Amino acid sequence: MNMPFEMLSCPVVTSQYWNVVFGREPGKCERDTEGMQTMRTLGHNMAWLLKNLRRGDAIPRPADEPWQPMHFIR
């Protein structure tokens, strides 16, 4: 899915896994620790990229969080 963006030399912001959070009812997605961590990582990486594009100088990349796996069998 990213191929057209890569072919046009567009910056592609990545995260640690699929950018999705699971929750059937309102408020349940906060319990998906891995999904919420993936979204936080995506947000940090996107902010880092935008700051670097705007300023033009190198800002250190944000530190990675320890991985928090989610178990869907409860």
N, C-alpha and C. Protein backbone atom coordinates (compact mmCIF):
# COMPACT_ATOMS: atom_id res chain seq x y z
N MET A 1 0.80 -1.19 0.00
CA MET A 1 0.00 0.00 0.00
C MET A 1 0.86 1.26 0.00
N ASN A 2 2.06 1.18 0.51
CA ASN A 2 2.93 2.35 0.56
C ASN A 2 3.70 2.58 -0.73
N MET A 3 3.65 1.63 -1.65
CA MET A 3 4.47 1.73 -2.85
C MET A 3 4.29 3.04 -3.63
N PRO A 4 3.06 3.53 -3.87
CA PRO A 4 2.95 4.79 -4.62
C PRO A 4 3.64 5.96 -3.92
N PHE A 5 3.55 6.02 -2.60
CA PHE A 5 4.21 7.08 -1.86
C PHE A 5 5.73 6.97 -1.96
N GLU A 6 6.22 5.73 -1.85
CA GLU A 6 7.66 5.51 -1.95
C GLU A 6 8.18 5.81 -3.35
N MET A 7 7.39 5.50 -4.37
CA MET A 7 7.81 5.77 -5.75
C MET A 7 7.89 7.26 -6.03
N LEU A 8 7.08 8.06 -5.32
CA LEU A 8 7.08 9.51 -5.50
C LEU A 8 7.97 10.22 -4.49
N SER A 9 8.81 9.46 -3.78
CA SER A 9 9.75 9.98 -2.79
C SER A 9 9.06 10.76 -1.67
N CYS A 10 7.87 10.33 -1.28
CA CYS A 10 7.16 10.97 -0.17
C CYS A 10 7.64 10.37 1.14
N PRO A 11 7.71 11.17 2.18
CA PRO A 11 8.06 10.58 3.48
C PRO A 11 6.92 9.72 4.00
N VAL A 12 7.25 8.55 4.50
CA VAL A 12 6.26 7.63 5.04
C VAL A 12 6.55 7.45 6.53
N VAL A 13 5.59 7.81 7.37
CA VAL A 13 5.76 7.68 8.82
C VAL A 13 5.39 6.27 9.23
N THR A 14 6.28 5.64 9.97
CA THR A 14 6.05 4.26 10.38
C THR A 14 5.86 4.18 11.89
N SER A 15 5.49 2.98 12.34
CA SER A 15 5.34 2.72 13.76
C SER A 15 5.96 1.35 14.02
N GLN A 16 5.46 0.64 15.03
CA GLN A 16 6.06 -0.64 15.39
C GLN A 16 5.25 -1.83 14.86
N TYR A 17 4.01 -1.61 14.42
CA TYR A 17 3.17 -2.70 13.95
C TYR A 17 2.04 -2.08 13.15
N TRP A 18 0.98 -2.83 12.85
CA TRP A 18 -0.16 -2.27 12.13
C TRP A 18 -0.76 -1.13 12.94
N ASN A 19 -1.10 -0.04 12.28
CA ASN A 19 -1.65 1.13 12.96
C ASN A 19 -3.15 0.97 13.19
N VAL A 20 -3.49 0.15 14.20
CA VAL A 20 -4.89 -0.12 14.51
C VAL A 20 -5.03 -0.40 16.01
N VAL A 21 -6.18 -0.01 16.56
CA VAL A 21 -6.51 -0.28 17.96
C VAL A 21 -7.84 -1.03 17.96
N PHE A 22 -7.97 -2.05 18.80
CA PHE A 22 -9.18 -2.86 18.84
C PHE A 22 -10.03 -2.53 20.06
N GLY A 23 -11.33 -2.41 19.86
CA GLY A 23 -12.28 -2.22 20.94
C GLY A 23 -13.69 -2.20 20.36
N ARG A 24 -14.57 -3.01 20.89
CA ARG A 24 -15.93 -3.10 20.34
C ARG A 24 -16.84 -2.00 20.89
N GLU A 25 -16.71 -1.68 22.16
CA GLU A 25 -17.58 -0.70 22.80
C GLU A 25 -16.79 0.56 23.13
N PRO A 26 -17.46 1.71 23.28
CA PRO A 26 -16.75 2.94 23.62
C PRO A 26 -15.91 2.78 24.90
N GLY A 27 -14.66 3.21 24.83
CA GLY A 27 -13.77 3.14 25.97
C GLY A 27 -12.98 1.85 26.08
N LYS A 28 -13.33 0.83 25.30
CA LYS A 28 -12.64 -0.46 25.38
C LYS A 28 -11.28 -0.44 24.69
N CYS A 29 -11.08 0.45 23.73
CA CYS A 29 -9.81 0.44 23.00
C CYS A 29 -8.65 0.87 23.90
N GLU A 30 -8.93 1.59 25.00
CA GLU A 30 -7.85 1.96 25.91
C GLU A 30 -7.23 0.74 26.57
N ARG A 31 -7.97 -0.38 26.59
CA ARG A 31 -7.44 -1.62 27.18
C ARG A 31 -6.50 -2.35 26.23
N ASP A 32 -6.49 -1.99 24.96
CA ASP A 32 -5.58 -2.59 23.99
C ASP A 32 -4.22 -1.90 24.14
N THR A 33 -3.40 -2.41 25.06
CA THR A 33 -2.14 -1.74 25.38
C THR A 33 -1.19 -1.68 24.19
N GLU A 34 -1.12 -2.76 23.42
CA GLU A 34 -0.23 -2.78 22.26
C GLU A 34 -0.71 -1.79 21.20
N GLY A 35 -2.01 -1.75 20.94
CA GLY A 35 -2.55 -0.82 19.95
C GLY A 35 -2.35 0.62 20.35
N MET A 36 -2.56 0.93 21.63
CA MET A 36 -2.37 2.30 22.11
C MET A 36 -0.90 2.69 22.04
N GLN A 37 0.00 1.75 22.34
CA GLN A 37 1.43 2.02 22.24
C GLN A 37 1.81 2.25 20.78
N THR A 38 1.25 1.48 19.87
CA THR A 38 1.52 1.66 18.45
C THR A 38 1.08 3.05 17.99
N MET A 39 -0.09 3.50 18.44
CA MET A 39 -0.57 4.84 18.07
C MET A 39 0.31 5.94 18.66
N ARG A 40 0.75 5.76 19.93
CA ARG A 40 1.67 6.74 20.53
C ARG A 40 2.96 6.82 19.74
N THR A 41 3.51 5.65 19.37
CA THR A 41 4.75 5.62 18.60
C THR A 41 4.56 6.30 17.25
N LEU A 42 3.43 6.05 16.59
CA LEU A 42 3.14 6.69 15.32
C LEU A 42 3.07 8.21 15.49
N GLY A 43 2.40 8.67 16.54
CA GLY A 43 2.31 10.11 16.80
C GLY A 43 3.66 10.74 17.07
N HIS A 44 4.50 10.08 17.87
CA HIS A 44 5.84 10.60 18.15
C HIS A 44 6.67 10.66 16.88
N ASN A 45 6.60 9.60 16.06
CA ASN A 45 7.38 9.58 14.82
C ASN A 45 6.89 10.64 13.84
N MET A 46 5.58 10.86 13.78
CA MET A 46 5.03 11.87 12.87
C MET A 46 5.45 13.27 13.33
N ALA A 47 5.37 13.54 14.63
CA ALA A 47 5.80 14.85 15.15
C ALA A 47 7.28 15.07 14.89
N TRP A 48 8.09 14.02 15.09
CA TRP A 48 9.53 14.13 14.85
C TRP A 48 9.81 14.46 13.38
N LEU A 49 9.13 13.78 12.46
CA LEU A 49 9.33 14.03 11.04
C LEU A 49 8.92 15.45 10.67
N LEU A 50 7.76 15.90 11.15
CA LEU A 50 7.29 17.24 10.82
C LEU A 50 8.21 18.32 11.38
N LYS A 51 8.72 18.12 12.59
CA LYS A 51 9.66 19.09 13.16
C LYS A 51 10.94 19.14 12.34
N ASN A 52 11.44 17.98 11.90
CA ASN A 52 12.66 17.95 11.10
C ASN A 52 12.44 18.59 9.73
N LEU A 53 11.28 18.38 9.13
CA LEU A 53 11.00 18.98 7.83
C LEU A 53 10.89 20.49 7.94
N ARG A 54 10.31 20.97 9.03
CA ARG A 54 10.13 22.41 9.20
C ARG A 54 11.43 23.12 9.53
N ARG A 55 12.18 22.58 10.47
CA ARG A 55 13.40 23.24 10.92
C ARG A 55 14.56 23.06 9.95
N GLY A 56 14.62 21.93 9.32
CA GLY A 56 15.69 21.67 8.37
C GLY A 56 16.96 21.13 8.98
N ASP A 57 17.04 21.05 10.30
CA ASP A 57 18.21 20.45 10.92
C ASP A 57 17.80 19.16 11.63
N ALA A 58 18.77 18.39 12.01
CA ALA A 58 18.48 17.06 12.56
C ALA A 58 18.13 17.14 14.04
N ILE A 59 16.94 16.68 14.37
CA ILE A 59 16.50 16.52 15.75
C ILE A 59 16.63 15.04 16.06
N PRO A 60 17.15 14.68 17.23
CA PRO A 60 17.28 13.24 17.54
C PRO A 60 15.93 12.54 17.49
N ARG A 61 15.96 11.32 17.03
CA ARG A 61 14.75 10.50 16.92
C ARG A 61 14.22 10.17 18.30
N PRO A 62 12.88 10.12 18.50
CA PRO A 62 12.34 9.79 19.82
C PRO A 62 12.74 8.39 20.27
N ALA A 63 12.89 8.23 21.57
CA ALA A 63 13.27 6.93 22.12
C ALA A 63 12.12 5.94 22.00
N ASP A 64 12.43 4.68 21.77
CA ASP A 64 11.42 3.64 21.67
C ASP A 64 10.95 3.23 23.06
N GLU A 65 9.66 2.93 23.18
CA GLU A 65 9.10 2.38 24.41
C GLU A 65 9.33 0.87 24.41
N PRO A 66 9.45 0.25 25.58
CA PRO A 66 9.49 -1.21 25.62
C PRO A 66 8.18 -1.78 25.07
N TRP A 67 8.26 -2.85 24.32
CA TRP A 67 7.08 -3.43 23.67
C TRP A 67 6.13 -3.98 24.72
N GLN A 68 4.83 -3.69 24.55
CA GLN A 68 3.79 -4.18 25.45
C GLN A 68 2.83 -5.06 24.66
N PRO A 69 3.04 -6.37 24.62
CA PRO A 69 2.16 -7.21 23.82
C PRO A 69 0.76 -7.27 24.42
N MET A 70 -0.23 -7.44 23.55
CA MET A 70 -1.63 -7.55 23.97
C MET A 70 -2.10 -8.97 23.75
N HIS A 71 -2.71 -9.56 24.75
CA HIS A 71 -3.27 -10.90 24.63
C HIS A 71 -4.78 -10.78 24.54
N PHE A 72 -5.36 -11.27 23.45
CA PHE A 72 -6.77 -11.10 23.21
C PHE A 72 -7.61 -12.22 23.83
N ILE A 73 -6.97 -13.24 24.38
CA ILE A 73 -7.69 -14.31 25.05
C ILE A 73 -7.79 -13.91 26.52
N ARG A 74 -9.01 -13.69 26.99
CA ARG A 74 -9.20 -13.26 28.38
C ARG A 74 -10.02 -14.24 29.14
